Amino acid sequence: MSLAAATRDAVRERPFLYDALRAGIVNYTAAARTLDIDGEEEAVATALRRFAEELPTDPPHDSDARVSMQSGLGRVESPGAESTAVLTVGDAAFAEGAGSLTGIVATGDLSAAALAEVLGRLRATDVSVEAAGVTDDVLVVVVSRRAGPDAVRVVEATVQG
């Protein structure tokens, strides 16, 4: 495998570095030091620079959605619960009136990239996510009741066009 290919693979294993390269905010030499690639540090830094030049500069998602908050969600595992659930993942469903969790629901033009950005921003603000999911027109994030207001602000800032 070439040094350039190894560098690309190493970056793809570190989404934060990929995002930083796209944003143009990387110290290439420092980043090269953190990658476990056989090769000279300056050669790896050069491979990073070249890879960054090839990356798209357009935003990772273009969302336009309305955001609402639903309180009193809880995990339910009974048959048929998915019909009243705000979010179903596998055999677990989160439905209204079943607990003290809060669902942040965005409806509109959405994508998986929007969910990825929401989750990254929530992680950066120390908001713990219980469950999350997205389709082309609905994004749901389930958080604790206390984290609800912070989560609403984060989701709004991320998905409102």
N, C-alpha and C. Protein backbone atom coordinates (compact mmCIF):
# COMPACT_ATOMS: atom_id res chain seq x y z
N MET A 1 0.85 -1.17 0.00
CA MET A 1 0.00 0.00 0.00
C MET A 1 0.90 1.23 0.00
N SER A 2 0.53 2.21 -0.81
CA SER A 2 1.33 3.44 -0.89
C SER A 2 1.16 4.27 0.38
N LEU A 3 2.08 5.19 0.58
CA LEU A 3 2.00 6.09 1.73
C LEU A 3 0.73 6.93 1.65
N ALA A 4 0.38 7.40 0.46
CA ALA A 4 -0.84 8.20 0.29
C ALA A 4 -2.08 7.40 0.66
N ALA A 5 -2.15 6.14 0.21
CA ALA A 5 -3.30 5.29 0.52
C ALA A 5 -3.36 4.99 2.01
N ALA A 6 -2.21 4.72 2.62
CA ALA A 6 -2.18 4.46 4.07
C ALA A 6 -2.62 5.69 4.85
N THR A 7 -2.23 6.87 4.38
CA THR A 7 -2.62 8.11 5.04
C THR A 7 -4.13 8.33 4.94
N ARG A 8 -4.68 8.10 3.75
CA ARG A 8 -6.14 8.24 3.57
C ARG A 8 -6.88 7.27 4.49
N ASP A 9 -6.43 6.03 4.54
CA ASP A 9 -7.07 5.04 5.42
C ASP A 9 -7.01 5.47 6.88
N ALA A 10 -5.87 5.99 7.30
CA ALA A 10 -5.71 6.42 8.69
C ALA A 10 -6.64 7.59 9.00
N VAL A 11 -6.80 8.49 8.05
CA VAL A 11 -7.71 9.63 8.26
C VAL A 11 -9.14 9.13 8.34
N ARG A 12 -9.52 8.21 7.51
CA ARG A 12 -10.90 7.69 7.51
C ARG A 12 -11.24 6.95 8.80
N GLU A 13 -10.22 6.49 9.52
CA GLU A 13 -10.44 5.87 10.82
C GLU A 13 -10.61 6.90 11.93
N ARG A 14 -10.38 8.15 11.61
CA ARG A 14 -10.48 9.25 12.58
C ARG A 14 -11.38 10.35 12.00
N PRO A 15 -12.69 10.21 12.15
CA PRO A 15 -13.60 11.20 11.55
C PRO A 15 -13.31 12.63 11.97
N PHE A 16 -12.83 12.85 13.19
CA PHE A 16 -12.52 14.21 13.62
C PHE A 16 -11.42 14.81 12.75
N LEU A 17 -10.43 14.00 12.36
CA LEU A 17 -9.35 14.49 11.51
C LEU A 17 -9.86 14.75 10.10
N TYR A 18 -10.73 13.89 9.61
CA TYR A 18 -11.35 14.10 8.31
C TYR A 18 -12.09 15.44 8.28
N ASP A 19 -12.90 15.69 9.32
CA ASP A 19 -13.64 16.95 9.40
C ASP A 19 -12.71 18.14 9.48
N ALA A 20 -11.64 18.01 10.25
CA ALA A 20 -10.68 19.10 10.37
C ALA A 20 -9.97 19.36 9.04
N LEU A 21 -9.65 18.32 8.31
CA LEU A 21 -9.04 18.50 6.98
C LEU A 21 -10.00 19.23 6.06
N ARG A 22 -11.27 18.83 6.07
CA ARG A 22 -12.27 19.52 5.23
C ARG A 22 -12.40 20.98 5.60
N ALA A 23 -12.28 21.27 6.90
CA ALA A 23 -12.41 22.65 7.36
C ALA A 23 -11.13 23.46 7.16
N GLY A 24 -10.03 22.80 6.84
CA GLY A 24 -8.77 23.50 6.62
C GLY A 24 -8.13 24.01 7.89
N ILE A 25 -8.30 23.30 9.00
CA ILE A 25 -7.79 23.78 10.28
C ILE A 25 -6.79 22.81 10.91
N VAL A 26 -6.02 22.14 10.07
CA VAL A 26 -5.10 21.12 10.56
C VAL A 26 -3.66 21.60 10.47
N ASN A 27 -2.92 21.33 11.51
CA ASN A 27 -1.46 21.44 11.46
C ASN A 27 -1.01 20.09 10.93
N TYR A 28 -0.62 20.05 9.67
CA TYR A 28 -0.35 18.78 9.00
C TYR A 28 0.79 18.00 9.65
N THR A 29 1.82 18.69 10.07
CA THR A 29 2.95 18.01 10.70
C THR A 29 2.53 17.39 12.03
N ALA A 30 1.78 18.14 12.82
CA ALA A 30 1.31 17.60 14.11
C ALA A 30 0.37 16.42 13.88
N ALA A 31 -0.50 16.53 12.89
CA ALA A 31 -1.41 15.43 12.59
C ALA A 31 -0.63 14.20 12.12
N ALA A 32 0.40 14.42 11.32
CA ALA A 32 1.21 13.30 10.83
C ALA A 32 1.85 12.54 11.98
N ARG A 33 2.26 13.28 13.02
CA ARG A 33 2.88 12.64 14.20
C ARG A 33 1.92 11.70 14.91
N THR A 34 0.62 11.98 14.83
CA THR A 34 -0.37 11.17 15.56
C THR A 34 -0.76 9.91 14.81
N LEU A 35 -0.44 9.84 13.52
CA LEU A 35 -0.83 8.70 12.71
C LEU A 35 0.25 7.62 12.76
N ASP A 36 -0.17 6.41 12.88
CA ASP A 36 0.75 5.28 12.95
C ASP A 36 0.99 4.75 11.53
N ILE A 37 1.79 5.50 10.76
CA ILE A 37 2.06 5.16 9.37
C ILE A 37 3.56 5.04 9.19
N ASP A 38 3.97 3.96 8.52
CA ASP A 38 5.39 3.79 8.22
C ASP A 38 5.78 4.79 7.13
N GLY A 39 6.65 5.70 7.49
CA GLY A 39 7.11 6.71 6.53
C GLY A 39 7.60 7.92 7.28
N GLU A 40 8.28 8.77 6.55
CA GLU A 40 8.80 10.00 7.15
C GLU A 40 7.66 10.94 7.49
N GLU A 41 7.81 11.62 8.61
CA GLU A 41 6.77 12.53 9.09
C GLU A 41 6.41 13.57 8.04
N GLU A 42 7.38 14.15 7.38
CA GLU A 42 7.10 15.19 6.38
C GLU A 42 6.38 14.61 5.17
N ALA A 43 6.69 13.36 4.80
CA ALA A 43 5.99 12.71 3.68
C ALA A 43 4.53 12.46 4.03
N VAL A 44 4.28 12.06 5.27
CA VAL A 44 2.89 11.86 5.72
C VAL A 44 2.16 13.20 5.75
N ALA A 45 2.83 14.25 6.21
CA ALA A 45 2.22 15.59 6.23
C ALA A 45 1.87 16.04 4.81
N THR A 46 2.74 15.75 3.87
CA THR A 46 2.46 16.09 2.48
C THR A 46 1.27 15.30 1.95
N ALA A 47 1.19 14.03 2.30
CA ALA A 47 0.04 13.21 1.89
C ALA A 47 -1.25 13.76 2.49
N LEU A 48 -1.19 14.24 3.73
CA LEU A 48 -2.36 14.87 4.36
C LEU A 48 -2.78 16.12 3.60
N ARG A 49 -1.81 16.96 3.25
CA ARG A 49 -2.10 18.19 2.50
C ARG A 49 -2.79 17.86 1.17
N ARG A 50 -2.26 16.90 0.46
CA ARG A 50 -2.83 16.53 -0.84
C ARG A 50 -4.23 15.96 -0.68
N PHE A 51 -4.42 15.14 0.33
CA PHE A 51 -5.75 14.58 0.59
C PHE A 51 -6.73 15.70 0.92
N ALA A 52 -6.32 16.65 1.73
CA ALA A 52 -7.19 17.77 2.10
C ALA A 52 -7.61 18.58 0.87
N GLU A 53 -6.71 18.74 -0.09
CA GLU A 53 -7.02 19.49 -1.31
C GLU A 53 -8.09 18.80 -2.14
N GLU A 54 -8.20 17.47 -2.03
CA GLU A 54 -9.17 16.70 -2.81
C GLU A 54 -10.55 16.62 -2.16
N LEU A 55 -10.63 16.97 -0.89
CA LEU A 55 -11.89 16.83 -0.17
C LEU A 55 -12.89 17.90 -0.59
N PRO A 56 -14.17 17.55 -0.59
CA PRO A 56 -15.19 18.55 -0.96
C PRO A 56 -15.28 19.66 0.08
N THR A 57 -15.61 20.85 -0.39
CA THR A 57 -15.72 21.99 0.53
C THR A 57 -17.17 22.32 0.85
N ASP A 58 -18.11 21.65 0.17
CA ASP A 58 -19.51 21.91 0.44
C ASP A 58 -19.87 21.38 1.83
N PRO A 59 -20.92 21.92 2.43
CA PRO A 59 -21.32 21.46 3.77
C PRO A 59 -21.70 19.98 3.74
N PRO A 60 -21.47 19.25 4.84
CA PRO A 60 -21.77 17.82 4.87
C PRO A 60 -23.26 17.51 4.74
N HIS A 61 -24.11 18.48 5.06
CA HIS A 61 -25.55 18.27 4.87
C HIS A 61 -26.22 19.62 4.69
N ASP A 62 -27.35 19.61 4.02
CA ASP A 62 -28.13 20.82 3.80
C ASP A 62 -29.54 20.52 4.29
N SER A 63 -29.79 20.80 5.55
CA SER A 63 -31.07 20.46 6.15
C SER A 63 -31.93 21.70 6.35
N ASP A 64 -33.21 21.48 6.34
CA ASP A 64 -34.16 22.52 6.67
C ASP A 64 -35.32 21.82 7.37
N ALA A 65 -35.39 21.98 8.69
CA ALA A 65 -36.38 21.23 9.45
C ALA A 65 -36.96 22.06 10.60
N ARG A 66 -38.15 21.68 11.00
CA ARG A 66 -38.82 22.26 12.17
C ARG A 66 -38.53 21.35 13.35
N VAL A 67 -38.23 21.93 14.50
CA VAL A 67 -37.82 21.15 15.67
C VAL A 67 -38.86 21.30 16.78
N SER A 68 -39.19 20.17 17.41
CA SER A 68 -40.10 20.19 18.56
C SER A 68 -39.55 19.27 19.63
N MET A 69 -40.11 19.40 20.83
CA MET A 69 -39.67 18.60 21.97
C MET A 69 -40.87 17.83 22.51
N GLN A 70 -40.67 16.54 22.79
CA GLN A 70 -41.73 15.71 23.38
C GLN A 70 -41.24 15.15 24.70
N SER A 71 -41.94 15.52 25.76
CA SER A 71 -41.56 15.07 27.10
C SER A 71 -42.29 13.79 27.46
N GLY A 72 -41.79 13.10 28.48
CA GLY A 72 -42.45 11.92 29.01
C GLY A 72 -42.21 10.65 28.23
N LEU A 73 -41.13 10.61 27.45
CA LEU A 73 -40.83 9.39 26.71
C LEU A 73 -40.21 8.35 27.62
N GLY A 74 -40.43 7.11 27.27
CA GLY A 74 -39.81 6.00 27.99
C GLY A 74 -39.64 4.83 27.07
N ARG A 75 -38.79 3.92 27.48
CA ARG A 75 -38.54 2.72 26.67
C ARG A 75 -39.63 1.70 26.93
N VAL A 76 -40.22 1.22 25.87
CA VAL A 76 -41.25 0.19 25.96
C VAL A 76 -40.83 -0.98 25.08
N GLU A 77 -41.12 -2.17 25.54
CA GLU A 77 -40.72 -3.35 24.78
C GLU A 77 -41.89 -4.30 24.55
N SER A 78 -43.08 -3.75 24.56
CA SER A 78 -44.25 -4.61 24.36
C SER A 78 -44.62 -4.66 22.88
N PRO A 79 -45.21 -5.76 22.44
CA PRO A 79 -45.63 -5.86 21.05
C PRO A 79 -46.62 -4.76 20.71
N GLY A 80 -46.47 -4.19 19.55
CA GLY A 80 -47.38 -3.13 19.12
C GLY A 80 -46.99 -1.75 19.59
N ALA A 81 -46.00 -1.64 20.47
CA ALA A 81 -45.61 -0.33 20.98
C ALA A 81 -45.04 0.54 19.88
N GLU A 82 -44.46 -0.09 18.86
CA GLU A 82 -43.85 0.71 17.80
C GLU A 82 -44.86 1.58 17.07
N SER A 83 -46.14 1.22 17.11
CA SER A 83 -47.14 2.03 16.43
C SER A 83 -47.35 3.37 17.12
N THR A 84 -47.10 3.47 18.41
CA THR A 84 -47.25 4.74 19.13
C THR A 84 -45.89 5.34 19.49
N ALA A 85 -44.84 4.70 19.08
CA ALA A 85 -43.50 5.13 19.46
C ALA A 85 -43.05 6.34 18.65
N VAL A 86 -42.28 7.18 19.30
CA VAL A 86 -41.63 8.30 18.63
C VAL A 86 -40.40 7.80 17.89
N LEU A 87 -39.75 6.76 18.46
CA LEU A 87 -38.56 6.18 17.85
C LEU A 87 -38.51 4.69 18.17
N THR A 88 -38.21 3.88 17.17
CA THR A 88 -38.02 2.45 17.37
C THR A 88 -36.66 2.07 16.79
N VAL A 89 -35.85 1.42 17.62
CA VAL A 89 -34.54 0.93 17.19
C VAL A 89 -34.46 -0.54 17.60
N GLY A 90 -34.36 -1.41 16.61
CA GLY A 90 -34.38 -2.84 16.92
C GLY A 90 -35.67 -3.22 17.59
N ASP A 91 -35.57 -3.88 18.74
CA ASP A 91 -36.79 -4.27 19.45
C ASP A 91 -37.12 -3.32 20.60
N ALA A 92 -36.44 -2.19 20.67
CA ALA A 92 -36.74 -1.18 21.69
C ALA A 92 -37.46 -0.01 21.05
N ALA A 93 -38.48 0.45 21.73
CA ALA A 93 -39.24 1.61 21.25
C ALA A 93 -39.31 2.64 22.35
N PHE A 94 -39.37 3.89 21.98
CA PHE A 94 -39.50 5.00 22.92
C PHE A 94 -40.83 5.69 22.63
N ALA A 95 -41.76 5.60 23.60
CA ALA A 95 -43.11 6.10 23.41
C ALA A 95 -43.45 7.14 24.47
N GLU A 96 -44.42 7.99 24.12
CA GLU A 96 -44.90 9.02 25.05
C GLU A 96 -45.63 8.38 26.22
N GLY A 97 -45.53 9.04 27.38
CA GLY A 97 -46.23 8.60 28.57
C GLY A 97 -45.63 7.38 29.23
N ALA A 98 -44.41 7.02 28.86
CA ALA A 98 -43.81 5.80 29.40
C ALA A 98 -42.58 6.06 30.25
N GLY A 99 -42.25 7.32 30.51
CA GLY A 99 -41.06 7.60 31.31
C GLY A 99 -40.77 9.07 31.44
N SER A 100 -39.53 9.39 31.73
CA SER A 100 -39.15 10.78 31.98
C SER A 100 -38.10 11.30 30.98
N LEU A 101 -37.95 10.61 29.86
CA LEU A 101 -37.00 11.07 28.85
C LEU A 101 -37.64 12.12 27.95
N THR A 102 -36.81 12.82 27.20
CA THR A 102 -37.28 13.86 26.29
C THR A 102 -36.84 13.50 24.87
N GLY A 103 -37.76 13.63 23.94
CA GLY A 103 -37.44 13.41 22.53
C GLY A 103 -37.35 14.73 21.80
N ILE A 104 -36.29 14.92 21.07
CA ILE A 104 -36.16 16.09 20.21
C ILE A 104 -36.46 15.58 18.80
N VAL A 105 -37.51 16.13 18.19
CA VAL A 105 -37.98 15.65 16.90
C VAL A 105 -37.87 16.77 15.88
N ALA A 106 -37.13 16.51 14.82
CA ALA A 106 -37.00 17.45 13.71
C ALA A 106 -37.71 16.85 12.52
N THR A 107 -38.55 17.64 11.84
CA THR A 107 -39.25 17.17 10.66
C THR A 107 -38.96 18.13 9.51
N GLY A 108 -38.69 17.57 8.36
CA GLY A 108 -38.38 18.39 7.18
C GLY A 108 -37.41 17.65 6.29
N ASP A 109 -36.52 18.40 5.67
CA ASP A 109 -35.52 17.85 4.75
C ASP A 109 -34.28 17.48 5.55
N LEU A 110 -34.05 16.18 5.75
CA LEU A 110 -32.97 15.72 6.64
C LEU A 110 -32.16 14.62 5.98
N SER A 111 -31.07 14.24 6.65
CA SER A 111 -30.21 13.18 6.12
C SER A 111 -29.44 12.54 7.26
N ALA A 112 -28.80 11.43 6.97
CA ALA A 112 -27.95 10.78 7.97
C ALA A 112 -26.79 11.70 8.37
N ALA A 113 -26.29 12.50 7.44
CA ALA A 113 -25.21 13.44 7.75
C ALA A 113 -25.67 14.46 8.80
N ALA A 114 -26.94 14.85 8.74
CA ALA A 114 -27.47 15.78 9.74
C ALA A 114 -27.45 15.14 11.12
N LEU A 115 -27.85 13.86 11.20
CA LEU A 115 -27.82 13.16 12.48
C LEU A 115 -26.39 13.07 13.00
N ALA A 116 -25.46 12.77 12.12
CA ALA A 116 -24.06 12.67 12.54
C ALA A 116 -23.58 14.00 13.13
N GLU A 117 -23.95 15.11 12.50
CA GLU A 117 -23.54 16.40 13.03
C GLU A 117 -24.23 16.71 14.35
N VAL A 118 -25.52 16.39 14.46
CA VAL A 118 -26.25 16.60 15.72
C VAL A 118 -25.57 15.82 16.84
N LEU A 119 -25.27 14.55 16.59
CA LEU A 119 -24.64 13.73 17.63
C LEU A 119 -23.26 14.28 18.02
N GLY A 120 -22.50 14.74 17.04
CA GLY A 120 -21.19 15.33 17.35
C GLY A 120 -21.32 16.58 18.19
N ARG A 121 -22.27 17.44 17.84
CA ARG A 121 -22.47 18.67 18.62
C ARG A 121 -22.99 18.37 20.02
N LEU A 122 -23.88 17.38 20.14
CA LEU A 122 -24.37 17.01 21.47
C LEU A 122 -23.23 16.46 22.32
N ARG A 123 -22.37 15.65 21.72
CA ARG A 123 -21.20 15.12 22.46
C ARG A 123 -20.31 16.27 22.92
N ALA A 124 -20.13 17.27 22.06
CA ALA A 124 -19.27 18.41 22.40
C ALA A 124 -19.87 19.26 23.52
N THR A 125 -21.18 19.20 23.70
CA THR A 125 -21.82 19.97 24.78
C THR A 125 -22.16 19.09 25.97
N ASP A 126 -21.59 17.88 26.02
CA ASP A 126 -21.78 16.94 27.12
C ASP A 126 -23.24 16.53 27.35
N VAL A 127 -23.99 16.42 26.26
CA VAL A 127 -25.36 15.92 26.34
C VAL A 127 -25.32 14.44 25.96
N SER A 128 -25.72 13.59 26.88
CA SER A 128 -25.73 12.15 26.66
C SER A 128 -27.00 11.76 25.91
N VAL A 129 -26.84 10.96 24.87
CA VAL A 129 -27.96 10.55 24.03
C VAL A 129 -28.34 9.10 24.38
N GLU A 130 -29.62 8.89 24.66
CA GLU A 130 -30.14 7.56 24.97
C GLU A 130 -30.38 6.75 23.70
N ALA A 131 -30.90 7.41 22.66
CA ALA A 131 -31.19 6.75 21.38
C ALA A 131 -31.35 7.84 20.33
N ALA A 132 -31.16 7.45 19.07
CA ALA A 132 -31.31 8.41 17.97
C ALA A 132 -31.60 7.67 16.68
N GLY A 133 -32.25 8.35 15.75
CA GLY A 133 -32.52 7.78 14.44
C GLY A 133 -32.89 8.87 13.46
N VAL A 134 -32.80 8.55 12.18
CA VAL A 134 -33.11 9.53 11.14
C VAL A 134 -33.65 8.84 9.90
N THR A 135 -34.56 9.52 9.21
CA THR A 135 -35.01 9.14 7.87
C THR A 135 -34.85 10.38 7.00
N ASP A 136 -35.38 10.35 5.79
CA ASP A 136 -35.27 11.52 4.91
C ASP A 136 -36.04 12.73 5.44
N ASP A 137 -37.04 12.49 6.30
CA ASP A 137 -37.86 13.61 6.74
C ASP A 137 -38.08 13.70 8.25
N VAL A 138 -37.49 12.82 9.04
CA VAL A 138 -37.62 12.88 10.50
C VAL A 138 -36.29 12.51 11.14
N LEU A 139 -35.91 13.30 12.14
CA LEU A 139 -34.73 13.02 12.96
C LEU A 139 -35.19 13.04 14.41
N VAL A 140 -34.83 12.02 15.18
CA VAL A 140 -35.23 11.94 16.59
C VAL A 140 -33.99 11.67 17.43
N VAL A 141 -33.87 12.43 18.51
CA VAL A 141 -32.81 12.22 19.49
C VAL A 141 -33.50 12.14 20.85
N VAL A 142 -33.21 11.07 21.61
CA VAL A 142 -33.81 10.90 22.93
C VAL A 142 -32.73 11.17 23.98
N VAL A 143 -33.05 12.09 24.90
CA VAL A 143 -32.11 12.50 25.94
C VAL A 143 -32.83 12.53 27.29
N SER A 144 -32.07 12.76 28.35
CA SER A 144 -32.70 12.89 29.66
C SER A 144 -33.55 14.17 29.70
N ARG A 145 -34.49 14.20 30.64
CA ARG A 145 -35.37 15.37 30.78
C ARG A 145 -34.57 16.64 30.98
N ARG A 146 -33.57 16.59 31.84
CA ARG A 146 -32.76 17.77 32.16
C ARG A 146 -31.96 18.27 30.96
N ALA A 147 -31.59 17.37 30.05
CA ALA A 147 -30.79 17.76 28.89
C ALA A 147 -31.66 18.26 27.74
N GLY A 148 -32.97 18.15 27.87
CA GLY A 148 -33.88 18.53 26.79
C GLY A 148 -33.67 19.92 26.22
N PRO A 149 -33.67 20.97 27.07
CA PRO A 149 -33.50 22.32 26.52
C PRO A 149 -32.18 22.52 25.77
N ASP A 150 -31.10 21.99 26.29
CA ASP A 150 -29.81 22.10 25.60
C ASP A 150 -29.85 21.35 24.28
N ALA A 151 -30.46 20.17 24.29
CA ALA A 151 -30.53 19.36 23.07
C ALA A 151 -31.38 20.05 22.01
N VAL A 152 -32.47 20.69 22.40
CA VAL A 152 -33.31 21.42 21.44
C VAL A 152 -32.49 22.51 20.76
N ARG A 153 -31.74 23.27 21.54
CA ARG A 153 -30.91 24.35 20.96
C ARG A 153 -29.89 23.79 19.97
N VAL A 154 -29.27 22.69 20.33
CA VAL A 154 -28.27 22.08 19.45
C VAL A 154 -28.90 21.59 18.16
N VAL A 155 -30.02 20.88 18.27
CA VAL A 155 -30.68 20.36 17.08
C VAL A 155 -31.16 21.51 16.20
N GLU A 156 -31.76 22.53 16.78
CA GLU A 156 -32.21 23.68 16.00
C GLU A 156 -31.05 24.33 15.25
N ALA A 157 -29.94 24.55 15.94
CA ALA A 157 -28.79 25.18 15.31
C ALA A 157 -28.22 24.34 14.18
N THR A 158 -28.42 23.05 14.25
CA THR A 158 -27.84 22.14 13.25
C THR A 158 -28.73 21.96 12.03
N VAL A 159 -30.04 21.86 12.22
CA VAL A 159 -30.91 21.46 11.11
C VAL A 159 -31.82 22.55 10.55
N GLN A 160 -31.85 23.71 11.17
CA GLN A 160 -32.69 24.76 10.62
C GLN A 160 -31.90 25.56 9.59
N GLY A 161 -32.43 25.59 8.36
CA GLY A 161 -31.75 26.22 7.23
C GLY A 161 -31.73 27.68 7.21
